[in-house]
């Protein structure tokens, strides 16, 4: 079973919940935790484990032969990322950090001036915490589009070896989050009882609806804000708050010490998944 732990807003405790849930399930089941927040990976820190690199990940990158270039501008016209700029009478200007490696520029070039090379965009790592297996990606600093690395990370998942695969997505609703969500059977949207939390919860639940992924809400920091804000959004999307993680000193101390959070609210989510299995 493939489960996403996601959330529109950053800082709601998404990774805390993902790690705690995966660790709790690993007491009885074969579990893989996948850190797909490749631009800001931290699940290994919350597990207090050392990562081991599996391999580097590369993506196609155009190489321009300006001796062959006719300066027609077609490469810039088809570049949806605006990584190529064409000024009349000048050679194309290529901004490599914005390129997503789609290869469209090479396809449309009428003079064969563009060939495809490759460049490193990140790496994939693994680790282990007792019976819990870990898989994660780390994106190269300064690049624009991380979804190719998320897609490469997902290809490393050997689904048949596990009872549960927990995918910790990045915050937001951008391309890498969509890449991480695709293929999941259920999404847990982690939020907090604030106006910002309710606003961004609405966005992530709308995305889950669009992708036709059933969703449930995990309310973190319960007791510090207005729960009604979250209940209204959940009801709007025909979802529900499945668990409420309390705002407590004990949980904060576990987090700071790199210990997976142990709380009845996490066990409740695990119990829900066990019943669905």
C-alpha atoms as a PDB file:
ATOM      1  CA  UNK A   1       0.000   0.000   0.000  1.00  0.00           C
ATOM      2  CA  UNK A   2       1.426   3.380  -1.039  1.00  0.00           C
ATOM      3  CA  UNK A   3       0.551   6.322   1.208  1.00  0.00           C
ATOM      4  CA  UNK A   4       1.431  10.004   0.812  1.00  0.00           C
ATOM      5  CA  UNK A   5       1.968  12.314   3.758  1.00  0.00           C
ATOM      6  CA  UNK A   6       1.641  15.801   2.346  1.00  0.00           C
ATOM      7  CA  UNK A   7       0.505  19.332   3.130  1.00  0.00           C
ATOM      8  CA  UNK A   8       0.050  22.623   1.358  1.00  0.00           C
ATOM      9  CA  UNK A   9       1.843  24.692   3.989  1.00  0.00           C
ATOM     10  CA  UNK A  10       5.443  24.249   5.060  1.00  0.00           C
ATOM     11  CA  UNK A  11       6.235  23.822   8.733  1.00  0.00           C
ATOM     12  CA  UNK A  12       3.038  22.032   9.729  1.00  0.00           C
ATOM     13  CA  UNK A  13       4.859  18.896  10.911  1.00  0.00           C
ATOM     14  CA  UNK A  14       4.443  16.839   7.761  1.00  0.00           C
ATOM     15  CA  UNK A  15       7.816  15.103   8.067  1.00  0.00           C
ATOM     16  CA  UNK A  16       7.300  14.573  11.802  1.00  0.00           C
ATOM     17  CA  UNK A  17       4.047  12.730  11.117  1.00  0.00           C
ATOM     18  CA  UNK A  18       5.471  10.763   8.168  1.00  0.00           C
ATOM     19  CA  UNK A  19       8.466   9.524  10.162  1.00  0.00           C
ATOM     20  CA  UNK A  20       6.395   8.712  13.248  1.00  0.00           C
ATOM     21  CA  UNK A  21       3.782   6.843  11.200  1.00  0.00           C
ATOM     22  CA  UNK A  22       6.366   4.822   9.282  1.00  0.00           C
ATOM     23  CA  UNK A  23       8.232   3.940  12.482  1.00  0.00           C
ATOM     24  CA  UNK A  24       5.042   2.898  14.278  1.00  0.00           C
ATOM     25  CA  UNK A  25       3.975   0.641  11.397  1.00  0.00           C
ATOM     26  CA  UNK A  26       7.453  -0.906  11.169  1.00  0.00           C
ATOM     27  CA  UNK A  27       6.918  -2.519  14.578  1.00  0.00           C
ATOM     28  CA  UNK A  28       4.593  -5.035  12.885  1.00  0.00           C
ATOM     29  CA  UNK A  29       5.018  -4.648   9.124  1.00  0.00           C
ATOM     30  CA  UNK A  30       7.580  -4.277   6.351  1.00  0.00           C
ATOM     31  CA  UNK A  31       7.731  -0.512   5.796  1.00  0.00           C
ATOM     32  CA  UNK A  32       9.643   1.801   3.483  1.00  0.00           C
ATOM     33  CA  UNK A  33       9.816   5.525   4.210  1.00  0.00           C
ATOM     34  CA  UNK A  34      10.544   7.662   1.130  1.00  0.00           C
ATOM     35  CA  UNK A  35      11.685  11.250   1.639  1.00  0.00           C
ATOM     36  CA  UNK A  36      10.486  12.890  -1.586  1.00  0.00           C
ATOM     37  CA  UNK A  37      11.052  16.402  -0.271  1.00  0.00           C
ATOM     38  CA  UNK A  38      14.297  16.393  -2.233  1.00  0.00           C
ATOM     39  CA  UNK A  39      14.973  20.129  -1.946  1.00  0.00           C
ATOM     40  CA  UNK A  40      14.852  20.027   1.846  1.00  0.00           C
ATOM     41  CA  UNK A  41      15.290  16.402   2.984  1.00  0.00           C
ATOM     42  CA  UNK A  42      15.232  15.880   6.742  1.00  0.00           C
ATOM     43  CA  UNK A  43      13.609  12.514   7.482  1.00  0.00           C
ATOM     44  CA  UNK A  44      17.032  10.942   8.072  1.00  0.00           C
ATOM     45  CA  UNK A  45      17.675  13.564  10.773  1.00  0.00           C
ATOM     46  CA  UNK A  46      14.377  12.793  12.489  1.00  0.00           C
ATOM     47  CA  UNK A  47      15.338   9.113  12.436  1.00  0.00           C
ATOM     48  CA  UNK A  48      18.922   9.782  13.579  1.00  0.00           C
ATOM     49  CA  UNK A  49      20.348   7.665  10.770  1.00  0.00           C
ATOM     50  CA  UNK A  50      23.270   8.115   8.412  1.00  0.00           C
ATOM     51  CA  UNK A  51      22.435   8.104   4.705  1.00  0.00           C
ATOM     52  CA  UNK A  52      24.337   5.962   2.200  1.00  0.00           C
ATOM     53  CA  UNK A  53      24.443   7.113  -1.421  1.00  0.00           C
ATOM     54  CA  UNK A  54      23.040   4.647  -3.952  1.00  0.00           C
ATOM     55  CA  UNK A  55      23.663   6.576  -7.159  1.00  0.00           C
ATOM     56  CA  UNK A  56      23.767   9.955  -8.863  1.00  0.00           C
ATOM     57  CA  UNK A  57      20.826  11.076 -10.995  1.00  0.00           C
ATOM     58  CA  UNK A  58      21.308  12.853 -14.326  1.00  0.00           C
ATOM     59  CA  UNK A  59      18.962  14.557 -16.756  1.00  0.00           C
ATOM     60  CA  UNK A  60      19.400  15.527 -20.439  1.00  0.00           C
ATOM     61  CA  UNK A  61      20.922  18.951 -21.072  1.00  0.00           C
ATOM     62  CA  UNK A  62      21.264  20.632 -24.475  1.00  0.00           C
ATOM     63  CA  UNK A  63      24.658  21.406 -25.994  1.00  0.00           C
ATOM     64  CA  UNK A  64      24.699  24.206 -28.578  1.00  0.00           C
ATOM     65  CA  UNK A  65      26.939  24.220 -31.654  1.00  0.00           C
ATOM     66  CA  UNK A  66      26.893  27.891 -32.599  1.00  0.00           C
ATOM     67  CA  UNK A  67      28.769  27.222 -35.850  1.00  0.00           C
ATOM     68  CA  UNK A  68      25.677  25.354 -37.079  1.00  0.00           C
ATOM     69  CA  UNK A  69      23.119  27.673 -35.440  1.00  0.00           C
ATOM     70  CA  UNK A  70      21.045  29.797 -37.853  1.00  0.00           C
ATOM     71  CA  UNK A  71      19.609  31.936 -34.999  1.00  0.00           C
ATOM     72  CA  UNK A  72      16.077  31.069 -36.075  1.00  0.00           C
ATOM     73  CA  UNK A  73      14.782  31.149 -32.491  1.00  0.00           C
ATOM     74  CA  UNK A  74      12.702  27.960 -32.694  1.00  0.00           C
ATOM     75  CA  UNK A  75      14.462  26.469 -29.677  1.00  0.00           C
ATOM     76  CA  UNK A  76      13.403  29.449 -27.553  1.00  0.00           C
ATOM     77  CA  UNK A  77       9.832  29.273 -28.863  1.00  0.00           C
ATOM     78  CA  UNK A  78       9.296  25.690 -27.670  1.00  0.00           C
ATOM     79  CA  UNK A  79      11.062  26.036 -24.307  1.00  0.00           C
ATOM     80  CA  UNK A  80       8.220  26.097 -21.774  1.00  0.00           C
ATOM     81  CA  UNK A  81      10.649  26.753 -18.924  1.00  0.00           C
ATOM     82  CA  UNK A  82      12.038  29.883 -20.639  1.00  0.00           C
ATOM     83  CA  UNK A  83      15.512  28.446 -20.226  1.00  0.00           C
ATOM     84  CA  UNK A  84      16.448  29.628 -23.731  1.00  0.00           C
ATOM     85  CA  UNK A  85      16.327  33.295 -24.742  1.00  0.00           C
ATOM     86  CA  UNK A  86      16.675  34.366 -28.357  1.00  0.00           C
ATOM     87  CA  UNK A  87      17.655  37.938 -29.261  1.00  0.00           C
ATOM     88  CA  UNK A  88      17.352  38.770 -32.950  1.00  0.00           C
ATOM     89  CA  UNK A  89      20.671  38.329 -34.720  1.00  0.00           C
ATOM     90  CA  UNK A  90      22.359  36.793 -31.651  1.00  0.00           C
ATOM     91  CA  UNK A  91      23.136  33.240 -30.564  1.00  0.00           C
ATOM     92  CA  UNK A  92      20.580  31.654 -28.196  1.00  0.00           C
ATOM     93  CA  UNK A  93      21.255  32.284 -24.517  1.00  0.00           C
ATOM     94  CA  UNK A  94      20.897  29.081 -22.484  1.00  0.00           C
ATOM     95  CA  UNK A  95      20.193  29.297 -18.732  1.00  0.00           C
ATOM     96  CA  UNK A  96      20.966  25.744 -17.682  1.00  0.00           C
ATOM     97  CA  UNK A  97      19.609  25.992 -14.142  1.00  0.00           C
ATOM     98  CA  UNK A  98      16.091  26.559 -15.503  1.00  0.00           C
ATOM     99  CA  UNK A  99      16.162  23.602 -17.924  1.00  0.00           C
ATOM    100  CA  UNK A 100      14.075  20.507 -17.124  1.00  0.00           C
ATOM    101  CA  UNK A 101      15.707  18.347 -19.801  1.00  0.00           C
ATOM    102  CA  UNK A 102      12.611  17.842 -21.965  1.00  0.00           C
ATOM    103  CA  UNK A 103      14.665  17.859 -25.194  1.00  0.00           C
ATOM    104  CA  UNK A 104      12.134  19.843 -27.240  1.00  0.00           C
ATOM    105  CA  UNK A 105      14.796  22.315 -28.350  1.00  0.00           C
ATOM    106  CA  UNK A 106      16.839  19.566 -29.990  1.00  0.00           C
ATOM    107  CA  UNK A 107      13.796  18.142 -31.751  1.00  0.00           C
ATOM    108  CA  UNK A 108      12.754  21.422 -33.421  1.00  0.00           C
ATOM    109  CA  UNK A 109      16.244  22.675 -34.322  1.00  0.00           C
ATOM    110  CA  UNK A 110      16.310  22.642 -38.169  1.00  0.00           C
ATOM    111  CA  UNK A 111      20.094  22.819 -38.480  1.00  0.00           C
ATOM    112  CA  UNK A 112      21.128  20.094 -36.025  1.00  0.00           C
ATOM    113  CA  UNK A 113      22.881  22.664 -33.837  1.00  0.00           C
ATOM    114  CA  UNK A 114      21.565  21.158 -30.591  1.00  0.00           C
ATOM    115  CA  UNK A 115      22.615  17.792 -29.225  1.00  0.00           C
ATOM    116  CA  UNK A 116      21.741  16.381 -25.811  1.00  0.00           C
ATOM    117  CA  UNK A 117      24.336  15.845 -23.125  1.00  0.00           C
ATOM    118  CA  UNK A 118      23.628  15.240 -19.458  1.00  0.00           C
ATOM    119  CA  UNK A 119      24.178  16.863 -16.079  1.00  0.00           C
ATOM    120  CA  UNK A 120      23.841  15.761 -12.472  1.00  0.00           C
ATOM    121  CA  UNK A 121      20.669  16.954 -10.767  1.00  0.00           C
ATOM    122  CA  UNK A 122      20.948  15.070  -7.492  1.00  0.00           C
ATOM    123  CA  UNK A 123      21.512  11.763  -5.770  1.00  0.00           C
ATOM    124  CA  UNK A 124      19.525   8.940  -4.215  1.00  0.00           C
ATOM    125  CA  UNK A 125      20.361   7.592  -0.761  1.00  0.00           C
ATOM    126  CA  UNK A 126      19.222   4.786   1.516  1.00  0.00           C
ATOM    127  CA  UNK A 127      19.315   4.010   5.221  1.00  0.00           C
ATOM    128  CA  UNK A 128      17.758   1.920   7.958  1.00  0.00           C
ATOM    129  CA  UNK A 129      16.292   2.408  11.442  1.00  0.00           C
ATOM    130  CA  UNK A 130      15.733  -0.965  13.120  1.00  0.00           C
ATOM    131  CA  UNK A 131      13.062  -2.632  10.899  1.00  0.00           C
ATOM    132  CA  UNK A 132      12.280   0.545   8.955  1.00  0.00           C
ATOM    133  CA  UNK A 133      13.895   0.990   5.533  1.00  0.00           C
ATOM    134  CA  UNK A 134      14.606   4.504   4.264  1.00  0.00           C
ATOM    135  CA  UNK A 135      14.978   5.919   0.754  1.00  0.00           C
ATOM    136  CA  UNK A 136      15.595   9.569  -0.039  1.00  0.00           C
ATOM    137  CA  UNK A 137      16.752  12.034  -2.664  1.00  0.00           C
ATOM    138  CA  UNK A 138      18.858  15.178  -2.447  1.00  0.00           C
ATOM    139  CA  UNK A 139      18.546  17.819  -5.154  1.00  0.00           C
ATOM    140  CA  UNK A 140      21.519  19.843  -6.412  1.00  0.00           C
ATOM    141  CA  UNK A 141      21.541  23.375  -5.030  1.00  0.00           C
ATOM    142  CA  UNK A 142      20.382  26.148  -7.350  1.00  0.00           C
ATOM    143  CA  UNK A 143      18.499  24.092  -9.934  1.00  0.00           C
ATOM    144  CA  UNK A 144      14.925  24.930 -10.904  1.00  0.00           C
ATOM    145  CA  UNK A 145      12.868  21.756 -11.336  1.00  0.00           C
ATOM    146  CA  UNK A 146      13.133  18.853  -8.871  1.00  0.00           C
ATOM    147  CA  UNK A 147      10.355  16.593 -10.168  1.00  0.00           C
ATOM    148  CA  UNK A 148      12.752  14.557 -12.417  1.00  0.00           C
ATOM    149  CA  UNK A 149      14.662  13.574  -9.270  1.00  0.00           C
ATOM    150  CA  UNK A 150      11.403  12.626  -7.502  1.00  0.00           C
ATOM    151  CA  UNK A 151      10.474  10.454 -10.496  1.00  0.00           C
ATOM    152  CA  UNK A 152      13.890   8.776 -10.407  1.00  0.00           C
ATOM    153  CA  UNK A 153      13.499   8.223  -6.657  1.00  0.00           C
ATOM    154  CA  UNK A 154      10.126   6.517  -7.139  1.00  0.00           C
ATOM    155  CA  UNK A 155      11.680   4.112  -9.649  1.00  0.00           C
ATOM    156  CA  UNK A 156      13.886   2.787  -6.829  1.00  0.00           C
ATOM    157  CA  UNK A 157      10.833   1.667  -4.829  1.00  0.00           C
ATOM    158  CA  UNK A 158      10.406  -2.111  -4.822  1.00  0.00           C
ATOM    159  CA  UNK A 159       6.738  -2.160  -3.867  1.00  0.00           C
ATOM    160  CA  UNK A 160       6.473  -5.935  -3.664  1.00  0.00           C
ATOM    161  CA  UNK A 161       8.955  -6.018  -0.768  1.00  0.00           C
ATOM    162  CA  UNK A 162       6.814  -3.900   1.564  1.00  0.00           C
ATOM    163  CA  UNK A 163       3.421  -3.864   3.219  1.00  0.00           C
ATOM    164  CA  UNK A 164       3.426  -0.067   3.407  1.00  0.00           C
ATOM    165  CA  UNK A 165       5.329   2.585   1.453  1.00  0.00           C
ATOM    166  CA  UNK A 166       5.098   5.995   3.129  1.00  0.00           C
ATOM    167  CA  UNK A 167       6.004   8.897   0.821  1.00  0.00           C
ATOM    168  CA  UNK A 168       6.820  12.184   2.533  1.00  0.00           C
ATOM    169  CA  UNK A 169       6.220  14.874  -0.103  1.00  0.00           C
ATOM    170  CA  UNK A 170       7.459  18.440  -0.249  1.00  0.00           C
ATOM    171  CA  UNK A 171       5.143  21.198   0.960  1.00  0.00           C
ATOM    172  CA  UNK A 172       2.967  22.981  -1.595  1.00  0.00           C
ATOM    173  CA  UNK A 173       1.170  21.923  -4.764  1.00  0.00           C
ATOM    174  CA  UNK A 174       3.977  22.267  -7.325  1.00  0.00           C
ATOM    175  CA  UNK A 175       5.359  19.746  -9.820  1.00  0.00           C
ATOM    176  CA  UNK A 176       7.489  17.676  -7.443  1.00  0.00           C
ATOM    177  CA  UNK A 177       4.522  17.280  -5.066  1.00  0.00           C
ATOM    178  CA  UNK A 178       2.350  16.098  -7.940  1.00  0.00           C
ATOM    179  CA  UNK A 179       5.071  13.643  -8.986  1.00  0.00           C
ATOM    180  CA  UNK A 180       5.242  12.272  -5.439  1.00  0.00           C
ATOM    181  CA  UNK A 181       1.449  11.957  -5.114  1.00  0.00           C
ATOM    182  CA  UNK A 182       0.841  10.115  -8.390  1.00  0.00           C
ATOM    183  CA  UNK A 183       0.351   6.409  -7.725  1.00  0.00           C
ATOM    184  CA  UNK A 184      -0.571   6.795  -4.044  1.00  0.00           C
ATOM    185  CA  UNK A 185      -3.706   5.093  -2.753  1.00  0.00           C
ATOM    186  CA  UNK A 186      -4.398   7.648  -0.041  1.00  0.00           C
ATOM    187  CA  UNK A 187      -3.026  11.033   1.029  1.00  0.00           C
ATOM    188  CA  UNK A 188      -2.813  12.333   4.585  1.00  0.00           C
ATOM    189  CA  UNK A 189      -2.785  16.134   4.539  1.00  0.00           C
ATOM    190  CA  UNK A 190      -1.010  17.489   7.614  1.00  0.00           C
ATOM    191  CA  UNK A 191      -2.086  20.947   8.716  1.00  0.00           C
ATOM    192  CA  UNK A 192      -2.285  23.254  11.723  1.00  0.00           C
ATOM    193  CA  UNK A 193      -5.249  25.166  13.221  1.00  0.00           C
ATOM    194  CA  UNK A 194      -4.354  28.574  11.770  1.00  0.00           C
ATOM    195  CA  UNK A 195      -5.658  30.714   8.912  1.00  0.00           C
ATOM    196  CA  UNK A 196      -2.563  29.971   6.836  1.00  0.00           C
ATOM    197  CA  UNK A 197      -2.978  26.277   7.624  1.00  0.00           C
ATOM    198  CA  UNK A 198      -6.614  26.226   6.487  1.00  0.00           C
ATOM    199  CA  UNK A 199      -5.849  28.192   3.316  1.00  0.00           C
ATOM    200  CA  UNK A 200      -3.101  25.850   2.172  1.00  0.00           C
ATOM    201  CA  UNK A 201      -5.033  22.766   3.295  1.00  0.00           C
ATOM    202  CA  UNK A 202      -7.720  23.820   0.844  1.00  0.00           C
ATOM    203  CA  UNK A 203      -5.119  23.876  -1.945  1.00  0.00           C
ATOM    204  CA  UNK A 204      -3.659  20.433  -1.221  1.00  0.00           C
ATOM    205  CA  UNK A 205      -7.085  18.803  -0.840  1.00  0.00           C
ATOM    206  CA  UNK A 206      -8.125  20.360  -4.141  1.00  0.00           C
ATOM    207  CA  UNK A 207      -5.026  18.834  -5.742  1.00  0.00           C
ATOM    208  CA  UNK A 208      -5.827  15.425  -4.241  1.00  0.00           C
ATOM    209  CA  UNK A 209      -9.371  15.711  -5.620  1.00  0.00           C
ATOM    210  CA  UNK A 210      -7.985  16.560  -9.065  1.00  0.00           C
ATOM    211  CA  UNK A 211      -5.664  13.534  -8.966  1.00  0.00           C
ATOM    212  CA  UNK A 212      -8.558  11.387  -7.658  1.00  0.00           C
ATOM    213  CA  UNK A 213      -6.621  10.370  -4.558  1.00  0.00           C
ATOM    214  CA  UNK A 214      -8.718   9.835  -1.392  1.00  0.00           C
ATOM    215  CA  UNK A 215      -7.573  12.163   1.369  1.00  0.00           C
ATOM    216  CA  UNK A 216      -7.744  12.471   5.132  1.00  0.00           C
ATOM    217  CA  UNK A 217      -6.637  15.350   7.344  1.00  0.00           C
ATOM    218  CA  UNK A 218      -4.140  15.136  10.203  1.00  0.00           C
ATOM    219  CA  UNK A 219      -4.456  18.137  12.511  1.00  0.00           C
ATOM    220  CA  UNK A 220      -1.085  18.852  14.095  1.00  0.00           C
ATOM    221  CA  UNK A 221      -0.499  21.195  17.058  1.00  0.00           C
ATOM    222  CA  UNK A 222      -4.030  20.521  18.234  1.00  0.00           C
ATOM    223  CA  UNK A 223      -5.022  22.765  21.112  1.00  0.00           C
ATOM    224  CA  UNK A 224      -3.203  25.931  20.074  1.00  0.00           C
ATOM    225  CA  UNK A 225      -5.590  27.456  17.493  1.00  0.00           C
ATOM    226  CA  UNK A 226      -9.048  27.261  15.943  1.00  0.00           C
ATOM    227  CA  UNK A 227      -9.970  23.707  14.997  1.00  0.00           C
ATOM    228  CA  UNK A 228     -13.152  24.926  13.266  1.00  0.00           C
ATOM    229  CA  UNK A 229     -11.056  26.466  10.476  1.00  0.00           C
ATOM    230  CA  UNK A 230      -9.764  23.025   9.534  1.00  0.00           C
ATOM    231  CA  UNK A 231     -13.090  21.250   9.956  1.00  0.00           C
ATOM    232  CA  UNK A 232     -14.738  23.618   7.459  1.00  0.00           C
ATOM    233  CA  UNK A 233     -12.096  22.946   4.808  1.00  0.00           C
ATOM    234  CA  UNK A 234     -12.189  19.169   5.371  1.00  0.00           C
ATOM    235  CA  UNK A 235     -15.986  19.184   5.059  1.00  0.00           C
ATOM    236  CA  UNK A 236     -15.782  21.255   1.870  1.00  0.00           C
ATOM    237  CA  UNK A 237     -13.708  18.504   0.243  1.00  0.00           C
ATOM    238  CA  UNK A 238     -15.753  15.657   1.754  1.00  0.00           C
ATOM    239  CA  UNK A 239     -12.768  14.653   3.853  1.00  0.00           C
ATOM    240  CA  UNK A 240     -12.385  14.379   7.621  1.00  0.00           C
ATOM    241  CA  UNK A 241      -9.895  14.934  10.411  1.00  0.00           C
ATOM    242  CA  UNK A 242      -8.645  11.430  11.089  1.00  0.00           C
ATOM    243  CA  UNK A 243      -6.279  12.305  13.936  1.00  0.00           C
ATOM    244  CA  UNK A 244      -5.281  15.242  16.142  1.00  0.00           C
ATOM    245  CA  UNK A 245      -1.638  15.457  17.188  1.00  0.00           C
ATOM    246  CA  UNK A 246      -1.434  17.513  20.393  1.00  0.00           C
ATOM    247  CA  UNK A 247       0.769  20.533  20.859  1.00  0.00           C
ATOM    248  CA  UNK A 248       2.895  19.131  23.685  1.00  0.00           C
ATOM    249  CA  UNK A 249       6.330  19.516  25.230  1.00  0.00           C
ATOM    250  CA  UNK A 250       6.893  15.748  25.065  1.00  0.00           C
ATOM    251  CA  UNK A 251       6.512  15.695  21.283  1.00  0.00           C
ATOM    252  CA  UNK A 252       8.797  18.721  20.895  1.00  0.00           C
ATOM    253  CA  UNK A 253      11.493  17.032  23.003  1.00  0.00           C
ATOM    254  CA  UNK A 254      11.272  13.806  20.958  1.00  0.00           C
ATOM    255  CA  UNK A 255      11.575  15.832  17.756  1.00  0.00           C
ATOM    256  CA  UNK A 256      14.640  17.725  18.979  1.00  0.00           C
ATOM    257  CA  UNK A 257      16.378  14.499  20.057  1.00  0.00           C
ATOM    258  CA  UNK A 258      15.858  12.793  16.686  1.00  0.00           C
ATOM    259  CA  UNK A 259      13.419  10.267  18.118  1.00  0.00           C
ATOM    260  CA  UNK A 260      10.309   9.318  16.084  1.00  0.00           C
ATOM    261  CA  UNK A 261       7.290  10.752  17.872  1.00  0.00           C
ATOM    262  CA  UNK A 262       5.393   8.180  19.940  1.00  0.00           C
ATOM    263  CA  UNK A 263       1.831   9.303  20.612  1.00  0.00           C
ATOM    264  CA  UNK A 264      -1.666   7.829  20.545  1.00  0.00           C
ATOM    265  CA  UNK A 265      -2.574  10.206  17.706  1.00  0.00           C
ATOM    266  CA  UNK A 266       0.048   8.506  15.487  1.00  0.00           C
ATOM    267  CA  UNK A 267      -1.162   5.052  16.525  1.00  0.00           C
ATOM    268  CA  UNK A 268      -4.654   6.093  15.441  1.00  0.00           C
ATOM    269  CA  UNK A 269      -3.438   6.786  11.885  1.00  0.00           C
ATOM    270  CA  UNK A 270      -1.534   3.491  11.851  1.00  0.00           C
ATOM    271  CA  UNK A 271      -4.661   1.660  13.032  1.00  0.00           C
ATOM    272  CA  UNK A 272      -6.668   3.233  10.227  1.00  0.00           C
ATOM    273  CA  UNK A 273      -4.164   1.963   7.630  1.00  0.00           C
ATOM    274  CA  UNK A 274      -4.086  -1.509   9.179  1.00  0.00           C
ATOM    275  CA  UNK A 275      -7.857  -1.710   8.865  1.00  0.00           C
ATOM    276  CA  UNK A 276      -7.663  -0.623   5.210  1.00  0.00           C
ATOM    277  CA  UNK A 277      -4.944  -3.133   4.310  1.00  0.00           C
END
